[in-house]
Structures are given as C-alpha cells and as structure tokens.
Amino acid sequence: MGEKIRLLVVDDSPFIHKAVKKALAGNDGIEIVGTAENGRICLDLVAQLSPDIVTLDVTMPVMDGLETAEVLAAQHPGVRVIMLSAMGDEDLVQRARNLGVSHFLTKPFEATQLRRAIFDVLREGV
C-alpha cells in the first residue's frame, strides 16, 4: 500500500487527541488528517478531508459517538470506524457493532492495540 492511511480523531478530550498522535508517532503509513471534539464537527470534516478511518469516542457533547457512527454508515459507507471509549460493556459494544463500528477499544488503550486495530480494519475491508 503506497498511500498513507488517512485518520480522523474524534474525542472531546484533548488528552485523547495527544494519546492517539503519540501512539501513531513514527508510523509513516498513517496520517492524522484532523481532529474534532464532537460528532457534528466530525461529519463536516469527513466531507472535507475524506479520511479512511475515524476514531470515535462514545460520550461527547452535541452529537455522541453512536449517533455519529450511524450517520457515517449512512452517508459515508466507505469510512471505517474504530470506537475508543472508557465504557466497554457488552451492550454498548454490540450497539456499536450493529451501527457498523469495526473495532472497539477501551480507554486507556495501548499504542500497539490502536495500530493493530487500524491495520485490521483496512485488511477486513468495509
């Protein structure tokens, strides 16, 4: 794969934006094309930036991650979603999967978990 994987990070915590950047630092195959604090901004940025993958928090103001995942699946079916959340109960994970979320990582996550999830999502396709 010659082109970089384009990633959009969506979380209301600047700490998570930094954690994702740090986890992916030095990985030339992945480019973070933008960040957003909520789902509404995410949808605008997806239309502008055409990321391959979006990482989504579940709990965010304005528009939460589940609602955002549902809209992404309907409007941008080629964009893959990895959910990053402090809440990882089975009901939530199943709801996310039903909305088209490819992978679900519980915060705090390890850098290797995130990188593996990104490459697994791409390998699996839509």
N, C-alpha and C. Protein backbone atom coordinates (compact mmCIF):
# COMPACT_ATOMS: atom_id res chain seq x y z
N MET A 1 0.86 -1.17 0.00
CA MET A 1 0.00 0.00 0.00
C MET A 1 0.90 1.23 0.00
N GLY A 2 0.87 2.00 -1.08
CA GLY A 2 1.74 3.15 -1.22
C GLY A 2 1.22 4.40 -0.53
N GLU A 3 -0.08 4.57 -0.52
CA GLU A 3 -0.64 5.78 0.08
C GLU A 3 -0.81 5.61 1.58
N LYS A 4 -0.76 6.74 2.28
CA LYS A 4 -0.94 6.73 3.72
C LYS A 4 -2.41 6.51 4.07
N ILE A 5 -2.62 5.87 5.21
CA ILE A 5 -3.96 5.72 5.76
C ILE A 5 -4.33 7.06 6.39
N ARG A 6 -5.49 7.58 6.00
CA ARG A 6 -5.93 8.89 6.49
C ARG A 6 -6.87 8.68 7.68
N LEU A 7 -6.50 9.26 8.84
CA LEU A 7 -7.22 9.04 10.08
C LEU A 7 -7.75 10.36 10.64
N LEU A 8 -9.01 10.35 11.06
CA LEU A 8 -9.63 11.49 11.74
C LEU A 8 -9.91 11.06 13.17
N VAL A 9 -9.44 11.85 14.15
CA VAL A 9 -9.59 11.54 15.56
C VAL A 9 -10.71 12.40 16.14
N VAL A 10 -11.75 11.74 16.70
CA VAL A 10 -12.90 12.46 17.23
C VAL A 10 -13.10 12.09 18.69
N ASP A 11 -12.86 13.08 19.56
CA ASP A 11 -13.00 12.88 21.00
C ASP A 11 -13.07 14.26 21.63
N ASP A 12 -13.86 14.41 22.68
CA ASP A 12 -13.95 15.72 23.33
C ASP A 12 -12.79 15.97 24.28
N SER A 13 -11.89 15.02 24.42
CA SER A 13 -10.73 15.18 25.29
C SER A 13 -9.45 15.46 24.49
N PRO A 14 -8.85 16.62 24.68
CA PRO A 14 -7.57 16.90 24.02
C PRO A 14 -6.50 15.88 24.41
N PHE A 15 -6.63 15.30 25.61
CA PHE A 15 -5.69 14.26 26.05
C PHE A 15 -5.71 13.07 25.09
N ILE A 16 -6.90 12.67 24.65
CA ILE A 16 -7.01 11.52 23.74
C ILE A 16 -6.45 11.89 22.37
N HIS A 17 -6.66 13.10 21.90
CA HIS A 17 -6.06 13.53 20.63
C HIS A 17 -4.54 13.34 20.72
N LYS A 18 -3.95 13.78 21.84
CA LYS A 18 -2.50 13.65 22.03
C LYS A 18 -2.09 12.18 22.14
N ALA A 19 -2.89 11.39 22.85
CA ALA A 19 -2.56 9.97 23.04
C ALA A 19 -2.56 9.23 21.70
N VAL A 20 -3.52 9.54 20.84
CA VAL A 20 -3.57 8.89 19.52
C VAL A 20 -2.37 9.33 18.69
N LYS A 21 -2.08 10.63 18.70
CA LYS A 21 -0.91 11.13 17.95
C LYS A 21 0.37 10.45 18.43
N LYS A 22 0.52 10.34 19.75
CA LYS A 22 1.71 9.70 20.32
C LYS A 22 1.76 8.22 19.93
N ALA A 23 0.62 7.54 19.99
CA ALA A 23 0.57 6.12 19.65
C ALA A 23 0.97 5.86 18.19
N LEU A 24 0.70 6.83 17.34
CA LEU A 24 0.97 6.65 15.91
C LEU A 24 2.24 7.34 15.45
N ALA A 25 2.92 8.03 16.36
CA ALA A 25 4.16 8.73 16.01
C ALA A 25 5.18 7.74 15.45
N GLY A 26 5.83 8.16 14.39
CA GLY A 26 6.84 7.32 13.78
C GLY A 26 6.28 6.28 12.83
N ASN A 27 4.96 6.21 12.70
CA ASN A 27 4.35 5.26 11.77
C ASN A 27 4.05 6.00 10.48
N ASP A 28 4.94 5.85 9.52
CA ASP A 28 4.82 6.61 8.27
C ASP A 28 3.62 6.21 7.43
N GLY A 29 2.99 5.09 7.74
CA GLY A 29 1.85 4.63 6.94
C GLY A 29 0.53 5.24 7.34
N ILE A 30 0.51 6.01 8.43
CA ILE A 30 -0.74 6.59 8.92
C ILE A 30 -0.58 8.10 9.09
N GLU A 31 -1.53 8.84 8.56
CA GLU A 31 -1.53 10.30 8.68
C GLU A 31 -2.79 10.76 9.39
N ILE A 32 -2.65 11.51 10.48
CA ILE A 32 -3.82 12.09 11.14
C ILE A 32 -4.16 13.36 10.37
N VAL A 33 -5.30 13.32 9.70
CA VAL A 33 -5.68 14.45 8.83
C VAL A 33 -6.49 15.51 9.56
N GLY A 34 -6.95 15.19 10.78
CA GLY A 34 -7.70 16.18 11.54
C GLY A 34 -8.20 15.62 12.85
N THR A 35 -8.71 16.54 13.69
CA THR A 35 -9.31 16.17 14.96
C THR A 35 -10.62 16.94 15.13
N ALA A 36 -11.52 16.38 15.92
CA ALA A 36 -12.80 17.03 16.19
C ALA A 36 -13.21 16.73 17.62
N GLU A 37 -14.00 17.64 18.22
CA GLU A 37 -14.44 17.48 19.60
C GLU A 37 -15.81 16.84 19.72
N ASN A 38 -16.55 16.73 18.62
CA ASN A 38 -17.88 16.12 18.68
C ASN A 38 -18.28 15.58 17.30
N GLY A 39 -19.38 14.87 17.29
CA GLY A 39 -19.83 14.22 16.06
C GLY A 39 -20.23 15.18 14.96
N ARG A 40 -20.80 16.30 15.33
CA ARG A 40 -21.23 17.29 14.31
C ARG A 40 -20.01 17.80 13.54
N ILE A 41 -18.95 18.16 14.25
CA ILE A 41 -17.72 18.62 13.59
C ILE A 41 -17.12 17.48 12.78
N CYS A 42 -17.17 16.27 13.33
CA CYS A 42 -16.66 15.10 12.63
C CYS A 42 -17.30 14.96 11.25
N LEU A 43 -18.61 15.06 11.19
CA LEU A 43 -19.31 14.89 9.91
C LEU A 43 -18.88 15.94 8.89
N ASP A 44 -18.70 17.18 9.35
CA ASP A 44 -18.21 18.23 8.45
C ASP A 44 -16.81 17.90 7.95
N LEU A 45 -15.95 17.44 8.86
CA LEU A 45 -14.57 17.13 8.47
C LEU A 45 -14.46 15.90 7.58
N VAL A 46 -15.31 14.92 7.80
CA VAL A 46 -15.29 13.74 6.92
C VAL A 46 -15.60 14.16 5.49
N ALA A 47 -16.58 15.04 5.33
CA ALA A 47 -16.92 15.52 3.99
C ALA A 47 -15.76 16.29 3.35
N GLN A 48 -15.01 17.05 4.15
CA GLN A 48 -13.91 17.86 3.63
C GLN A 48 -12.62 17.06 3.43
N LEU A 49 -12.30 16.15 4.36
CA LEU A 49 -10.98 15.54 4.41
C LEU A 49 -10.91 14.11 3.86
N SER A 50 -12.05 13.47 3.69
CA SER A 50 -12.12 12.09 3.17
C SER A 50 -11.16 11.12 3.87
N PRO A 51 -11.31 10.97 5.20
CA PRO A 51 -10.44 10.01 5.89
C PRO A 51 -10.83 8.57 5.54
N ASP A 52 -9.88 7.66 5.73
CA ASP A 52 -10.17 6.23 5.56
C ASP A 52 -10.81 5.67 6.81
N ILE A 53 -10.34 6.18 7.97
CA ILE A 53 -10.78 5.68 9.27
C ILE A 53 -11.07 6.86 10.19
N VAL A 54 -12.12 6.71 11.02
CA VAL A 54 -12.44 7.68 12.05
C VAL A 54 -12.40 6.95 13.39
N THR A 55 -11.67 7.52 14.36
CA THR A 55 -11.77 7.02 15.73
C THR A 55 -12.81 7.89 16.42
N LEU A 56 -13.74 7.24 17.12
CA LEU A 56 -14.84 7.95 17.76
C LEU A 56 -14.93 7.62 19.24
N ASP A 57 -15.09 8.64 20.07
CA ASP A 57 -15.44 8.44 21.46
C ASP A 57 -16.95 8.21 21.51
N VAL A 58 -17.42 7.53 22.54
CA VAL A 58 -18.87 7.33 22.68
C VAL A 58 -19.53 8.56 23.27
N THR A 59 -18.99 9.04 24.39
CA THR A 59 -19.62 10.14 25.12
C THR A 59 -18.99 11.47 24.72
N MET A 60 -19.75 12.26 23.96
CA MET A 60 -19.29 13.58 23.52
C MET A 60 -20.48 14.53 23.54
N PRO A 61 -20.22 15.83 23.70
CA PRO A 61 -21.31 16.80 23.62
C PRO A 61 -21.80 16.97 22.18
N VAL A 62 -22.93 17.58 22.01
CA VAL A 62 -23.55 17.93 20.72
C VAL A 62 -24.07 16.70 19.98
N MET A 63 -23.17 15.74 19.67
CA MET A 63 -23.56 14.52 18.95
C MET A 63 -22.64 13.41 19.41
N ASP A 64 -23.19 12.37 20.04
CA ASP A 64 -22.33 11.33 20.61
C ASP A 64 -21.80 10.38 19.53
N GLY A 65 -20.93 9.48 19.94
CA GLY A 65 -20.27 8.59 19.00
C GLY A 65 -21.18 7.59 18.33
N LEU A 66 -22.18 7.08 19.04
CA LEU A 66 -23.09 6.12 18.42
C LEU A 66 -23.93 6.79 17.33
N GLU A 67 -24.45 7.97 17.63
CA GLU A 67 -25.22 8.71 16.63
C GLU A 67 -24.34 9.06 15.43
N THR A 68 -23.12 9.46 15.71
CA THR A 68 -22.18 9.81 14.63
C THR A 68 -21.87 8.59 13.78
N ALA A 69 -21.66 7.44 14.41
CA ALA A 69 -21.37 6.20 13.67
C ALA A 69 -22.53 5.83 12.75
N GLU A 70 -23.74 6.04 13.24
CA GLU A 70 -24.93 5.73 12.44
C GLU A 70 -25.00 6.63 11.20
N VAL A 71 -24.75 7.92 11.37
CA VAL A 71 -24.77 8.85 10.24
C VAL A 71 -23.63 8.55 9.28
N LEU A 72 -22.45 8.26 9.80
CA LEU A 72 -21.32 7.92 8.93
C LEU A 72 -21.63 6.70 8.08
N ALA A 73 -22.23 5.67 8.68
CA ALA A 73 -22.56 4.45 7.93
C ALA A 73 -23.54 4.75 6.79
N ALA A 74 -24.47 5.67 7.04
CA ALA A 74 -25.46 6.02 6.03
C ALA A 74 -24.91 6.94 4.95
N GLN A 75 -24.13 7.94 5.36
CA GLN A 75 -23.68 8.97 4.42
C GLN A 75 -22.30 8.72 3.83
N HIS A 76 -21.46 7.99 4.54
CA HIS A 76 -20.07 7.74 4.11
C HIS A 76 -19.73 6.27 4.35
N PRO A 77 -20.38 5.36 3.64
CA PRO A 77 -20.20 3.93 3.94
C PRO A 77 -18.78 3.41 3.75
N GLY A 78 -17.94 4.12 3.04
CA GLY A 78 -16.56 3.67 2.84
C GLY A 78 -15.64 4.00 4.00
N VAL A 79 -16.09 4.85 4.91
CA VAL A 79 -15.26 5.25 6.05
C VAL A 79 -15.42 4.20 7.15
N ARG A 80 -14.31 3.68 7.62
CA ARG A 80 -14.34 2.71 8.71
C ARG A 80 -14.28 3.43 10.05
N VAL A 81 -14.88 2.83 11.07
CA VAL A 81 -14.95 3.46 12.39
C VAL A 81 -14.34 2.54 13.44
N ILE A 82 -13.46 3.12 14.25
CA ILE A 82 -12.93 2.46 15.44
C ILE A 82 -13.42 3.27 16.64
N MET A 83 -14.14 2.62 17.54
CA MET A 83 -14.66 3.30 18.72
C MET A 83 -13.62 3.21 19.83
N LEU A 84 -13.34 4.35 20.47
CA LEU A 84 -12.46 4.42 21.63
C LEU A 84 -13.29 4.94 22.78
N SER A 85 -13.46 4.13 23.82
CA SER A 85 -14.32 4.57 24.90
C SER A 85 -13.86 4.03 26.24
N ALA A 86 -14.11 4.81 27.29
CA ALA A 86 -13.83 4.34 28.64
C ALA A 86 -14.88 3.31 29.07
N MET A 87 -16.02 3.31 28.39
CA MET A 87 -17.09 2.37 28.70
C MET A 87 -17.01 1.21 27.71
N GLY A 88 -16.89 -0.01 28.21
CA GLY A 88 -16.74 -1.13 27.30
C GLY A 88 -17.67 -2.28 27.59
N ASP A 89 -18.84 -1.99 28.16
CA ASP A 89 -19.75 -3.09 28.47
C ASP A 89 -20.28 -3.72 27.17
N GLU A 90 -20.66 -4.97 27.27
CA GLU A 90 -21.06 -5.76 26.09
C GLU A 90 -22.22 -5.14 25.32
N ASP A 91 -23.20 -4.58 26.04
CA ASP A 91 -24.34 -3.98 25.37
C ASP A 91 -23.91 -2.81 24.48
N LEU A 92 -23.03 -1.99 25.00
CA LEU A 92 -22.52 -0.85 24.24
C LEU A 92 -21.71 -1.31 23.03
N VAL A 93 -20.85 -2.28 23.23
CA VAL A 93 -20.03 -2.81 22.13
C VAL A 93 -20.94 -3.38 21.04
N GLN A 94 -21.98 -4.12 21.43
CA GLN A 94 -22.90 -4.70 20.45
C GLN A 94 -23.68 -3.62 19.70
N ARG A 95 -24.13 -2.60 20.41
CA ARG A 95 -24.83 -1.49 19.74
C ARG A 95 -23.91 -0.82 18.72
N ALA A 96 -22.66 -0.62 19.10
CA ALA A 96 -21.69 -0.01 18.19
C ALA A 96 -21.48 -0.89 16.95
N ARG A 97 -21.31 -2.18 17.16
CA ARG A 97 -21.12 -3.10 16.02
C ARG A 97 -22.34 -3.11 15.09
N ASN A 98 -23.53 -3.04 15.68
CA ASN A 98 -24.75 -3.00 14.87
C ASN A 98 -24.82 -1.74 14.01
N LEU A 99 -24.11 -0.70 14.44
CA LEU A 99 -24.08 0.55 13.67
C LEU A 99 -22.92 0.60 12.68
N GLY A 100 -22.18 -0.50 12.57
CA GLY A 100 -21.11 -0.56 11.59
C GLY A 100 -19.72 -0.26 12.14
N VAL A 101 -19.58 -0.15 13.46
CA VAL A 101 -18.27 0.08 14.04
C VAL A 101 -17.43 -1.18 13.88
N SER A 102 -16.24 -1.02 13.31
CA SER A 102 -15.37 -2.15 13.01
C SER A 102 -14.69 -2.72 14.25
N HIS A 103 -14.14 -1.86 15.08
CA HIS A 103 -13.40 -2.27 16.27
C HIS A 103 -13.77 -1.37 17.43
N PHE A 104 -13.62 -1.90 18.62
CA PHE A 104 -13.96 -1.16 19.84
C PHE A 104 -12.79 -1.33 20.80
N LEU A 105 -12.12 -0.24 21.13
CA LEU A 105 -11.01 -0.27 22.08
C LEU A 105 -11.42 0.47 23.34
N THR A 106 -11.08 -0.11 24.49
CA THR A 106 -11.40 0.52 25.76
C THR A 106 -10.22 1.39 26.20
N LYS A 107 -10.54 2.62 26.62
CA LYS A 107 -9.53 3.53 27.15
C LYS A 107 -9.21 3.12 28.58
N PRO A 108 -7.98 3.21 29.02
CA PRO A 108 -6.83 3.59 28.21
C PRO A 108 -6.41 2.43 27.31
N PHE A 109 -5.96 2.75 26.13
CA PHE A 109 -5.54 1.73 25.17
C PHE A 109 -4.03 1.79 25.00
N GLU A 110 -3.48 0.68 24.56
CA GLU A 110 -2.04 0.62 24.27
C GLU A 110 -1.82 1.05 22.84
N ALA A 111 -0.68 1.66 22.57
CA ALA A 111 -0.34 2.10 21.21
C ALA A 111 -0.42 0.93 20.22
N THR A 112 0.08 -0.23 20.64
CA THR A 112 0.06 -1.39 19.74
C THR A 112 -1.37 -1.83 19.44
N GLN A 113 -2.29 -1.70 20.41
CA GLN A 113 -3.70 -2.06 20.17
C GLN A 113 -4.30 -1.16 19.08
N LEU A 114 -4.02 0.13 19.17
CA LEU A 114 -4.57 1.06 18.20
C LEU A 114 -4.01 0.80 16.81
N ARG A 115 -2.71 0.64 16.71
CA ARG A 115 -2.11 0.37 15.39
C ARG A 115 -2.65 -0.92 14.80
N ARG A 116 -2.76 -1.96 15.62
CA ARG A 116 -3.28 -3.24 15.14
C ARG A 116 -4.73 -3.09 14.66
N ALA A 117 -5.54 -2.35 15.42
CA ALA A 117 -6.94 -2.14 15.03
C ALA A 117 -7.03 -1.42 13.69
N ILE A 118 -6.19 -0.41 13.50
CA ILE A 118 -6.21 0.34 12.23
C ILE A 118 -5.89 -0.58 11.05
N PHE A 119 -4.84 -1.37 11.17
CA PHE A 119 -4.47 -2.24 10.06
C PHE A 119 -5.45 -3.39 9.89
N ASP A 120 -6.04 -3.89 10.99
CA ASP A 120 -7.06 -4.93 10.88
C ASP A 120 -8.29 -4.41 10.15
N VAL A 121 -8.71 -3.19 10.47
CA VAL A 121 -9.89 -2.59 9.82
C VAL A 121 -9.66 -2.51 8.31
N LEU A 122 -8.50 -2.08 7.91
CA LEU A 122 -8.23 -1.96 6.49
C LEU A 122 -8.15 -3.31 5.80
N ARG A 123 -7.58 -4.28 6.48
CA ARG A 123 -7.48 -5.62 5.92
C ARG A 123 -8.86 -6.25 5.74
N GLU A 124 -9.75 -5.99 6.70
CA GLU A 124 -11.10 -6.57 6.67
C GLU A 124 -11.97 -5.93 5.59
N GLY A 125 -11.66 -4.71 5.21
CA GLY A 125 -12.49 -4.01 4.24
C GLY A 125 -13.76 -3.51 4.90
N VAL A 126 -14.69 -3.07 4.08
CA VAL A 126 -15.94 -2.48 4.60
C VAL A 126 -16.88 -3.56 5.04
